[in-house]
Protein backbone atom coordinates (compact mmCIF):
# COMPACT_ATOMS: atom_id res chain seq x y z
CA MET A 1 -35.00 34.52 30.40
CA ARG A 2 -33.52 32.15 32.74
CA TRP A 3 -30.39 30.77 31.80
CA SER A 4 -29.42 26.76 32.14
CA MET A 5 -26.29 25.56 33.88
CA THR A 6 -24.57 24.82 30.70
CA GLN A 7 -25.20 28.17 29.24
CA ARG A 8 -23.98 29.88 32.28
CA LEU A 9 -20.81 28.03 32.29
CA ALA A 10 -20.39 28.52 28.48
CA ALA A 11 -20.88 32.32 28.92
CA GLY A 12 -18.60 32.50 31.88
CA PHE A 13 -15.81 30.86 29.93
CA ALA A 14 -16.53 32.32 26.36
CA LEU A 15 -16.31 36.04 27.24
CA PRO A 16 -12.79 36.04 28.91
CA LEU A 17 -11.69 33.78 26.01
CA ALA A 18 -12.90 36.06 23.31
CA THR A 19 -11.16 39.04 25.15
CA LEU A 20 -7.81 37.09 25.27
CA ILE A 21 -8.22 36.28 21.57
CA VAL A 22 -8.64 39.75 20.59
CA ILE A 23 -5.78 40.88 22.68
CA GLY A 24 -3.60 38.20 21.18
CA VAL A 25 -4.58 39.30 17.73
CA VAL A 26 -3.73 43.02 18.52
CA ALA A 27 -0.71 42.15 20.25
CA HIS A 28 0.55 40.02 17.41
CA ARG A 29 -0.30 42.64 14.75
CA ASN A 30 1.63 45.47 17.02
CA THR A 31 4.60 42.95 17.46
CA THR A 32 4.85 42.36 13.80
CA ALA A 33 4.86 46.12 12.99
CA LEU A 34 7.29 46.72 15.70
CA VAL A 35 9.54 44.08 14.42
CA GLU A 36 9.34 45.52 10.96
CA THR A 37 10.14 48.88 12.17
CA SER A 38 13.16 47.58 14.19
CA ARG A 39 14.29 46.04 11.01
CA LEU A 40 14.03 49.55 9.25
CA VAL A 41 15.81 51.25 11.97
CA ALA A 42 18.78 48.59 11.76
CA HIS A 43 18.54 48.98 8.08
CA THR A 44 19.11 52.97 8.33
CA HIS A 45 22.14 52.37 10.82
CA ALA A 46 23.74 50.11 8.25
CA VAL A 47 23.15 52.71 5.53
CA LEU A 48 24.93 55.21 7.55
CA GLU A 49 27.70 52.92 8.63
CA LYS A 50 28.41 52.43 4.95
CA LEU A 51 28.47 56.05 4.14
CA GLU A 52 30.88 56.70 6.92
CA ALA A 53 32.92 53.89 5.72
CA LEU A 54 32.82 55.29 2.03
CA LEU A 55 34.34 58.57 3.22
CA ALA A 56 36.81 56.75 5.13
CA ALA A 57 37.95 54.88 2.29
CA ALA A 58 38.21 57.95 0.04
CA THR A 59 40.32 59.76 2.85
CA ASP A 60 42.47 56.50 3.06
CA ALA A 61 43.37 57.17 -0.73
CA GLU A 62 44.24 60.56 -0.46
CA THR A 63 46.48 59.48 2.52
CA GLY A 64 48.25 57.07 0.54
CA GLN A 65 48.47 59.50 -2.35
CA ARG A 66 50.15 62.15 0.02
CA GLY A 67 52.78 59.50 1.42
CA PHE A 68 53.73 58.45 -2.08
CA LEU A 69 54.14 61.99 -3.46
CA LEU A 70 56.32 63.07 -0.43
CA THR A 71 58.43 60.00 -0.24
CA GLY A 72 58.31 58.27 -3.64
CA GLU A 73 58.12 54.95 -2.06
CA GLU A 74 55.61 52.25 -3.22
CA ARG A 75 54.93 50.97 0.20
CA TYR A 76 53.02 54.41 0.90
CA LEU A 77 50.52 53.32 -1.80
CA GLU A 78 48.98 50.31 0.25
CA PRO A 79 46.25 52.58 1.89
CA TYR A 80 45.33 53.89 -1.63
CA THR A 81 45.19 50.21 -3.20
CA ALA A 82 43.06 48.83 -0.27
CA ALA A 83 40.74 51.86 -0.43
CA THR A 84 40.16 51.40 -4.08
CA GLN A 85 39.13 47.77 -3.48
CA ARG A 86 37.03 48.65 -0.36
CA LEU A 87 35.30 51.31 -2.35
CA ALA A 88 33.88 48.86 -4.80
CA GLU A 89 32.51 46.54 -2.19
CA LEU A 90 30.83 49.59 -0.27
CA ASP A 91 29.21 50.79 -3.35
CA ARG A 92 27.64 47.47 -4.04
CA SER A 93 26.45 47.15 -0.55
CA LEU A 94 25.07 50.78 -0.60
CA ARG A 95 23.30 49.98 -3.66
CA ALA A 96 21.54 47.00 -2.24
CA LEU A 97 20.54 48.91 0.81
CA ILE A 98 18.91 51.78 -0.75
CA ALA A 99 17.43 50.03 -3.65
CA ASP A 100 13.84 50.92 -2.10
CA ASN A 101 14.69 54.75 -2.13
CA PRO A 102 15.13 56.30 -5.60
CA ALA A 103 16.10 59.62 -4.30
CA GLN A 104 18.92 57.97 -2.36
CA GLU A 105 19.98 56.11 -5.47
CA ARG A 106 20.21 59.26 -7.50
CA ARG A 107 22.52 60.74 -4.80
CA LEU A 108 24.61 57.57 -4.75
CA ASP A 109 25.09 57.86 -8.48
CA ALA A 110 26.37 61.53 -8.05
CA ALA A 111 28.67 60.44 -5.29
CA ASP A 112 30.02 57.40 -7.78
CA ARG A 113 30.92 60.08 -10.53
CA LEU A 114 32.49 62.44 -7.83
CA LEU A 115 34.71 59.46 -6.38
CA ALA A 116 35.56 58.20 -9.81
CA GLY A 117 36.82 61.62 -10.69
CA ARG A 118 38.74 61.93 -7.33
CA LEU A 119 40.38 58.52 -7.70
CA ALA A 120 41.34 59.57 -11.35
CA VAL A 121 43.00 62.73 -10.04
CA ILE A 122 44.74 60.62 -7.30
CA LYS A 123 46.04 58.06 -9.93
CA GLU A 124 47.15 61.02 -12.37
CA SER A 125 49.19 62.46 -9.61
CA ILE A 126 50.84 59.11 -8.63
CA GLU A 127 51.91 58.51 -12.37
CA LEU A 128 53.42 61.85 -12.65
CA ARG A 129 55.42 61.29 -9.54
CA ARG A 130 56.58 58.11 -10.94
CA THR A 131 57.63 59.48 -14.42
CA ARG A 132 58.32 63.24 -13.97
CA GLY A 133 59.01 63.69 -10.39
CA PHE A 134 57.64 65.44 -7.31
CA ASP A 135 57.22 69.11 -9.10
CA ALA A 136 54.84 67.81 -11.78
CA ALA A 137 52.89 65.77 -9.29
CA LEU A 138 52.67 68.91 -6.84
CA ALA A 139 51.56 71.00 -9.71
CA VAL A 140 48.16 68.64 -10.11
CA VAL A 141 47.67 68.77 -6.42
CA LYS A 142 47.87 72.61 -6.28
CA ASN A 143 45.19 73.25 -9.00
CA GLU A 144 42.68 72.01 -6.44
CA ARG A 145 40.55 69.91 -8.62
CA GLY A 146 40.62 67.06 -6.31
CA LYS A 147 39.91 69.09 -3.37
CA ARG A 148 36.71 70.37 -5.15
CA LEU A 149 35.74 66.76 -6.11
CA MET A 150 36.20 65.81 -2.43
CA ASP A 151 34.28 68.49 -1.06
CA GLU A 152 31.45 67.83 -3.47
CA LEU A 153 31.56 64.17 -2.44
CA ARG A 154 31.43 65.01 1.25
CA ALA A 155 28.44 67.31 0.69
CA VAL A 156 26.54 64.48 -1.44
CA VAL A 157 27.31 62.15 1.34
CA GLY A 158 26.20 64.65 4.04
CA GLU A 159 22.76 64.79 2.09
CA MET A 160 22.42 61.10 2.16
CA GLU A 161 23.29 61.01 5.77
CA ARG A 162 20.55 63.64 6.65
CA GLU A 163 18.07 61.75 4.59
CA GLU A 164 18.91 58.60 6.66
CA GLY A 165 18.74 60.66 9.72
CA ILE A 166 15.22 61.71 8.99
CA LEU A 167 14.10 58.06 8.16
CA LEU A 168 15.81 57.25 11.31
CA GLU A 169 13.93 59.62 13.37
CA ARG A 170 10.53 58.82 11.75
CA ARG A 171 11.06 54.85 12.17
CA ALA A 172 12.17 55.34 15.80
CA GLY A 173 9.02 57.23 16.66
CA GLU A 174 6.86 54.58 14.68
CA ALA A 175 8.62 51.88 16.83
CA ALA A 176 8.02 53.80 19.99
CA ALA A 177 4.37 54.37 19.25
CA THR A 178 3.88 50.74 18.31
CA ALA A 179 5.64 49.55 21.54
CA ARG A 180 3.21 51.94 23.55
CA ALA A 181 0.19 50.54 21.60
CA THR A 182 1.29 47.07 22.38
CA THR A 183 1.79 47.52 25.99
CA SER A 184 -1.47 49.55 26.25
CA SER A 185 -3.40 46.77 24.60
CA ILE A 186 -2.05 43.97 26.35
CA LEU A 187 -2.46 45.89 29.82
CA TYR A 188 -5.91 47.15 29.25
CA GLY A 189 -7.23 44.00 27.49
CA THR A 190 -5.85 41.79 30.40
CA LEU A 191 -7.53 44.10 32.94
CA LEU A 192 -10.87 43.52 30.92
CA ALA A 193 -10.37 40.03 30.77
CA LEU A 194 -9.75 39.78 34.58
CA LEU A 195 -12.93 41.82 35.00
CA LEU A 196 -15.29 39.77 32.66
CA ALA A 197 -13.64 36.40 34.19
CA SER A 198 -14.56 37.83 37.60
CA LEU A 199 -18.07 38.55 36.59
CA GLY A 200 -18.52 35.23 34.87
CA GLY A 201 -17.16 33.44 37.92
CA VAL A 202 -19.86 35.14 40.11
CA VAL A 203 -22.63 34.17 37.64
CA VAL A 204 -21.46 30.47 37.59
CA VAL A 205 -20.98 30.25 41.14
CA ARG A 206 -24.46 31.53 41.80
CA GLY A 207 -25.94 29.09 39.32
CA VAL A 208 -23.98 26.14 40.40
CA THR A 209 -24.87 26.82 44.28
CA ARG A 210 -28.49 26.82 43.08
CA HIS A 211 -28.19 23.80 41.11
CA VAL A 212 -26.09 21.91 43.87
CA ARG A 213 -28.66 22.72 46.62
CA SER A 214 -31.46 21.34 44.48
CA GLY A 215 -29.31 18.23 43.76
CA VAL A 216 -28.51 17.58 47.28
CA VAL A 217 -32.17 17.50 48.35
CA GLY A 218 -32.83 15.16 45.50
CA ILE A 219 -29.77 12.93 46.48
CA VAL A 220 -31.24 12.61 50.14
CA SER A 221 -34.58 11.56 48.94
CA SER A 222 -33.19 8.99 46.65
CA ALA A 223 -31.06 7.70 49.28
CA ASN A 224 -34.02 7.02 51.68
CA GLU A 225 -35.76 5.28 48.73
CA ILE A 226 -32.55 3.10 48.14
CA LEU A 227 -32.39 2.23 51.73
CA ALA A 228 -35.95 0.92 51.68
CA ALA A 229 -35.32 -1.05 48.50
CA THR A 230 -32.25 -2.62 49.97
CA ALA A 231 -34.10 -3.85 52.97
CA GLN A 232 -36.58 -5.42 50.57
CA GLN A 233 -33.62 -6.82 48.58
CA ALA A 234 -32.07 -8.26 51.65
CA ALA A 235 -35.13 -10.22 52.49
CA GLY A 236 -35.36 -11.54 49.10
CA ALA A 237 -31.78 -12.44 49.36
CA THR A 238 -32.59 -14.70 52.19
CA ALA A 239 -35.28 -16.56 50.50
CA ALA A 240 -32.96 -16.96 47.36
CA ALA A 241 -30.27 -18.33 49.58
CA ALA A 242 -32.64 -21.03 50.65
CA ALA A 243 -33.64 -21.75 46.97
CA VAL A 244 -30.09 -21.98 46.13
CA GLN A 245 -29.36 -24.67 48.76
CA GLU A 246 -32.24 -26.77 47.48
CA THR A 247 -30.84 -26.40 43.87
CA SER A 248 -27.31 -27.53 45.05
CA THR A 249 -28.92 -30.58 46.40
CA THR A 250 -30.83 -31.13 43.22
CA VAL A 251 -27.59 -30.60 41.10
CA GLU A 252 -25.68 -33.13 43.14
CA GLU A 253 -28.30 -35.81 42.26
CA VAL A 254 -28.32 -34.82 38.57
CA LYS A 255 -24.50 -35.05 38.50
CA ARG A 256 -24.56 -38.57 39.84
CA THR A 257 -27.19 -39.45 37.39
CA ALA A 258 -25.13 -37.98 34.75
CA GLN A 259 -22.08 -39.92 35.68
CA VAL A 260 -24.00 -43.14 35.12
CA ALA A 261 -25.39 -41.82 31.74
CA PHE A 262 -21.93 -41.04 30.55
CA GLN A 263 -20.56 -44.38 31.42
CA LYS A 264 -23.26 -45.91 29.39
CA ALA A 265 -22.58 -43.48 26.66
CA GLU A 266 -18.93 -44.26 26.68
CA SER A 267 -19.83 -47.94 26.00
CA VAL A 268 -22.15 -46.79 23.14
CA ALA A 269 -19.18 -44.65 21.82
CA GLU A 270 -16.86 -47.55 22.02
CA ALA A 271 -19.32 -49.60 19.78
CA VAL A 272 -19.65 -46.71 17.45
CA ARG A 273 -15.89 -46.54 17.18
CA ARG A 274 -15.61 -50.21 16.32
CA THR A 275 -18.38 -49.60 13.60
CA ALA A 276 -16.43 -46.57 12.33
CA GLN A 277 -13.31 -48.76 12.27
CA VAL A 278 -15.24 -51.47 10.21
CA SER A 279 -16.66 -48.73 7.82
CA ARG A 280 -13.02 -47.40 7.24
CA ASP A 281 -11.70 -50.88 6.37
CA GLY A 282 -14.58 -51.42 3.93
CA GLY A 283 -13.83 -48.05 2.41
CA HIS A 284 -10.28 -49.13 1.88
CA ALA A 285 -11.30 -52.43 0.35
CA VAL A 286 -13.74 -50.43 -1.89
CA GLU A 287 -10.92 -47.90 -2.99
CA GLU A 288 -8.72 -51.01 -3.79
CA CYS A 289 -11.71 -52.57 -5.76
CA VAL A 290 -12.10 -49.18 -7.72
CA HIS A 291 -8.46 -49.13 -8.49
CA GLY A 292 -8.47 -52.63 -9.92
CA MET A 293 -11.58 -51.79 -11.92
CA ARG A 294 -9.94 -48.73 -13.37
CA GLU A 295 -6.65 -50.71 -14.37
CA SER A 296 -8.99 -53.34 -15.95
CA LYS A 297 -10.82 -50.67 -17.76
CA GLU A 298 -7.52 -49.18 -18.94
CA ARG A 299 -6.25 -52.59 -20.11
CA MET A 300 -9.58 -53.48 -21.89
CA GLU A 301 -9.36 -50.01 -23.73
CA SER A 302 -5.68 -50.74 -24.75
CA LEU A 303 -6.98 -54.19 -26.22
CA ALA A 304 -9.74 -52.65 -27.88
CA GLU A 305 -7.21 -50.27 -29.61
CA ARG A 306 -5.02 -53.12 -30.55
CA VAL A 307 -7.96 -55.01 -31.86
CA LEU A 308 -9.09 -52.20 -33.95
CA ALA A 309 -5.57 -51.72 -35.47
CA LEU A 310 -5.57 -55.51 -36.37
CA SER A 311 -8.92 -55.17 -38.10
CA GLN A 312 -7.64 -52.26 -40.14
CA GLN A 313 -4.51 -54.23 -41.03
CA ALA A 314 -6.80 -57.20 -42.10
CA GLN A 315 -8.71 -54.89 -44.16
CA THR A 316 -5.50 -53.79 -45.94
CA ILE A 317 -4.53 -57.42 -46.44
CA GLY A 318 -8.05 -58.14 -48.25
CA GLU A 319 -7.24 -54.98 -50.45
CA ILE A 320 -3.93 -56.55 -51.37
CA ILE A 321 -5.36 -59.91 -52.19
CA ALA A 322 -8.17 -58.49 -54.25
CA THR A 323 -5.23 -56.78 -56.26
CA VAL A 324 -3.30 -60.11 -56.56
CA ASN A 325 -6.63 -61.88 -57.68
CA GLU A 326 -7.15 -59.38 -60.35
CA LEU A 327 -3.56 -59.94 -61.58
CA ALA A 328 -4.17 -63.65 -61.50
CA GLU A 329 -7.25 -63.04 -63.94
CA GLN A 330 -5.30 -60.81 -66.31
CA SER A 331 -2.44 -63.48 -66.22
CA ASN A 332 -5.07 -66.08 -67.27
CA ILE A 333 -6.46 -63.91 -69.90
CA LEU A 334 -2.97 -63.23 -71.36
CA ALA A 335 -2.39 -67.00 -71.25
CA VAL A 336 -5.22 -67.83 -73.21
CA ASN A 337 -4.25 -65.14 -75.93
CA ALA A 338 -0.87 -66.55 -75.91
CA ALA A 339 -2.22 -70.08 -76.72
CA ILE A 340 -4.42 -68.66 -79.31
CA GLU A 341 -1.35 -66.87 -80.95
CA ALA A 342 0.76 -70.14 -80.44
CA ALA A 343 -1.78 -72.14 -82.56
CA LYS A 344 -1.90 -69.76 -85.22
CA ALA A 345 1.90 -69.74 -85.53
CA GLY A 346 2.13 -73.58 -86.02
CA GLU A 347 5.36 -75.32 -85.34
CA THR A 348 7.20 -72.08 -84.60
CA GLY A 349 4.84 -71.28 -81.59
CA LYS A 350 4.80 -74.42 -79.81
CA GLY A 351 7.39 -73.28 -77.33
CA PHE A 352 5.39 -70.09 -76.85
CA ALA A 353 2.42 -72.42 -76.36
CA VAL A 354 3.96 -74.32 -73.52
CA VAL A 355 5.08 -71.04 -71.77
CA ALA A 356 1.41 -69.95 -72.24
CA ALA A 357 0.27 -73.11 -70.45
CA GLU A 358 2.45 -72.70 -67.65
CA VAL A 359 1.42 -69.20 -67.19
CA LYS A 360 -2.16 -70.02 -67.17
CA ALA A 361 -1.52 -73.04 -64.78
CA LEU A 362 0.30 -70.68 -62.44
CA ALA A 363 -2.73 -68.06 -62.64
CA GLU A 364 -5.04 -70.81 -61.77
CA ARG A 365 -3.03 -71.74 -58.69
CA SER A 366 -2.73 -68.05 -57.71
CA LYS A 367 -6.47 -67.54 -57.99
CA GLN A 368 -7.15 -70.66 -55.87
CA ALA A 369 -4.65 -69.47 -53.15
CA THR A 370 -6.16 -66.07 -53.26
CA GLY A 371 -9.69 -67.43 -52.70
CA GLN A 372 -8.47 -69.53 -49.68
CA VAL A 373 -6.47 -66.55 -48.17
CA ARG A 374 -9.56 -64.60 -48.72
CA ALA A 375 -11.73 -67.04 -46.98
CA ILE A 376 -9.15 -67.10 -43.86
CA LEU A 377 -9.07 -63.32 -43.89
CA ALA A 378 -13.01 -63.29 -43.67
CA GLU A 379 -12.83 -65.54 -40.64
CA ILE A 380 -10.14 -63.38 -39.13
CA GLN A 381 -12.23 -60.31 -39.75
CA ARG A 382 -15.42 -61.80 -38.19
CA ALA A 383 -13.40 -63.14 -35.13
CA THR A 384 -11.94 -59.39 -34.81
CA GLN A 385 -15.34 -57.90 -34.80
CA GLY A 386 -16.44 -60.06 -32.23
CA ALA A 387 -13.30 -59.41 -30.22
CA VAL A 388 -13.93 -55.67 -30.58
CA MET A 389 -17.74 -56.11 -29.49
CA ALA A 390 -16.59 -58.09 -26.37
CA THR A 391 -13.91 -55.53 -25.47
CA GLU A 392 -16.42 -52.54 -25.88
CA GLN A 393 -18.76 -54.54 -23.50
CA GLY A 394 -15.93 -55.14 -20.95
CA VAL A 395 -15.25 -51.40 -20.95
CA LYS A 396 -18.81 -50.57 -20.40
CA THR A 397 -19.04 -53.10 -17.66
CA ALA A 398 -15.80 -51.85 -15.98
CA GLU A 399 -17.27 -48.31 -16.10
CA THR A 400 -20.41 -49.42 -14.55
CA GLY A 401 -18.27 -51.26 -11.75
CA VAL A 402 -16.23 -48.18 -11.28
CA GLY A 403 -19.32 -46.09 -10.72
CA VAL A 404 -20.97 -48.60 -8.44
CA ALA A 405 -17.76 -48.80 -6.38
CA ALA A 406 -17.65 -44.95 -6.21
CA ARG A 407 -21.13 -44.66 -4.82
CA ARG A 408 -20.41 -47.26 -2.46
CA ARG A 409 -17.19 -45.59 -1.23
CA ARG A 410 -19.28 -42.22 -0.90
CA HIS A 411 -21.83 -43.88 1.30
CA SER A 412 -19.49 -45.56 3.25
CA ARG A 413 -17.84 -42.20 4.18
CA SER A 414 -21.05 -40.73 4.94
CA SER A 415 -22.01 -43.49 7.25
CA LEU A 416 -18.67 -43.05 8.91
CA ARG A 417 -19.23 -39.27 9.46
CA ARG A 418 -22.59 -39.90 10.80
CA SER A 419 -21.46 -42.78 13.10
CA SER A 420 -18.97 -40.30 14.73
CA ARG A 421 -21.55 -37.65 15.59
CA PRO A 422 -23.09 -39.50 18.67
CA ARG A 423 -19.69 -39.91 20.28
CA GLY A 424 -18.61 -36.42 19.81
CA TRP A 425 -21.84 -35.27 21.16
CA ILE A 426 -21.77 -37.22 24.10
CA ARG A 427 -18.14 -36.15 24.99
CA SER A 428 -18.85 -32.47 24.45
CA ARG A 429 -22.04 -32.84 26.73
CA TRP A 430 -20.09 -34.41 29.47
CA ARG A 431 -17.08 -31.95 29.25
CA CYS A 432 -19.81 -29.03 29.72
CA ARG A 433 -21.16 -30.75 32.52
CA ALA A 434 -17.83 -31.39 34.22
CA SER A 435 -16.80 -27.85 33.85
CA THR A 436 -19.78 -25.96 34.98
CA GLY A 437 -20.55 -28.35 37.75
CA ALA A 438 -24.24 -27.96 36.94
CA ARG A 439 -26.76 -29.53 34.68
CA PRO A 440 -27.52 -27.16 31.51
CA ARG A 441 -31.01 -25.67 31.36
CA THR A 442 -31.66 -27.60 27.85
CA TRP A 443 -29.73 -30.58 26.48
CA PRO A 444 -30.29 -30.34 22.72
CA ARG A 445 -31.03 -33.56 21.03
CA PRO A 446 -28.31 -34.80 18.68
CA ALA A 447 -28.93 -35.68 14.98
CA ARG A 448 -30.61 -39.16 14.68
CA TRP A 449 -28.17 -41.62 13.19
CA SER A 450 -29.86 -44.06 10.79
CA GLY A 451 -26.88 -45.86 9.68
CA PRO A 452 -25.64 -46.27 6.12
CA ARG A 453 -28.42 -45.78 3.43
CA ALA A 454 -28.94 -48.47 1.08
CA THR A 455 -28.13 -47.90 -2.69
């Protein structure tokens, strides 16, 4: 199977790249293991240092005890006091370091018990020296219980140190093996990558050379064809130059004709501008007329409301007059009844008869006045109804006038916009002609202006 140029290049770069990726993965894994092993080695060294410090602190406590027992002076107890404080800190540190090793934890527990017993013996001898003297304290020292505890403590610490030494040797061996594996993988992997890169380079160079050779042949043939086409284009360019010269002459003539047309168009535009100004003035007049009609409509509506209120008041007065008329009739009836009763009473009822006659006369006059007022009120109501009808007709007429004026104003504005189109079209065409220096291929016809439409 023949590979293409792209496949050769991809294979030439992919193989070395894959090799380098594998080398990187292996080196990263080995380096991580080496770092972990180094951490464990440092951890073992730290445990050994703490164990040595533990024995040193126990020895310092014994030194302070001996100085105090020999001299009886408190200042010789300073090593003992400092050692007891340091032993507590060392114990906490050791427990944190050997938390992952149960066997070492058990040995440390035994060492703690031995150390606590040794410190108790030291404290007992110190108290005896203070209270009972040198001989009593010396007797405690001579029974060798403290020496046995210290020897057992050293033995336990020795076991812990041997355990840590074994761990140290194993971890150091693992670190060395990991370092050798890392070095070998990087070295041999780099050699393999170089070998693959060299083979890929040879394959790619051969493929590129073959393709380049065939490409050069194609370029030479294409160059010959381009040369022939260039010669033909040069001949065509000469003919095109002559045509361009003729076109320039024609363009100059068109330019002069366009200038004359623009001057005439300017005069037409001026006329259009004057027409537009007249239209705007007419529009202002129509707006003032509309405003006046609206005010007249508002006044007519206010007058109609007042006339309606007057009609309602007149109706109320009519109701009051009807009541007065009814009272007059009742008074007349009462006067008649009073006259009858006075006649029955004879001479004693003459005064009462006179009063009844006066009441009757007053009732008759009230009835006549009520009739006159009712007639006048009827005339007022008929006149009010006529005024109301006239007012309503005036309001309708004002509304019709406002509508007609509004339509006239809209038609006037529409005519003004249409009248401004020819002038703007003429100016835009002339600016296009002046900026390009040549006549455009097509001159779009402007929208026909037919003037204001009749309503």
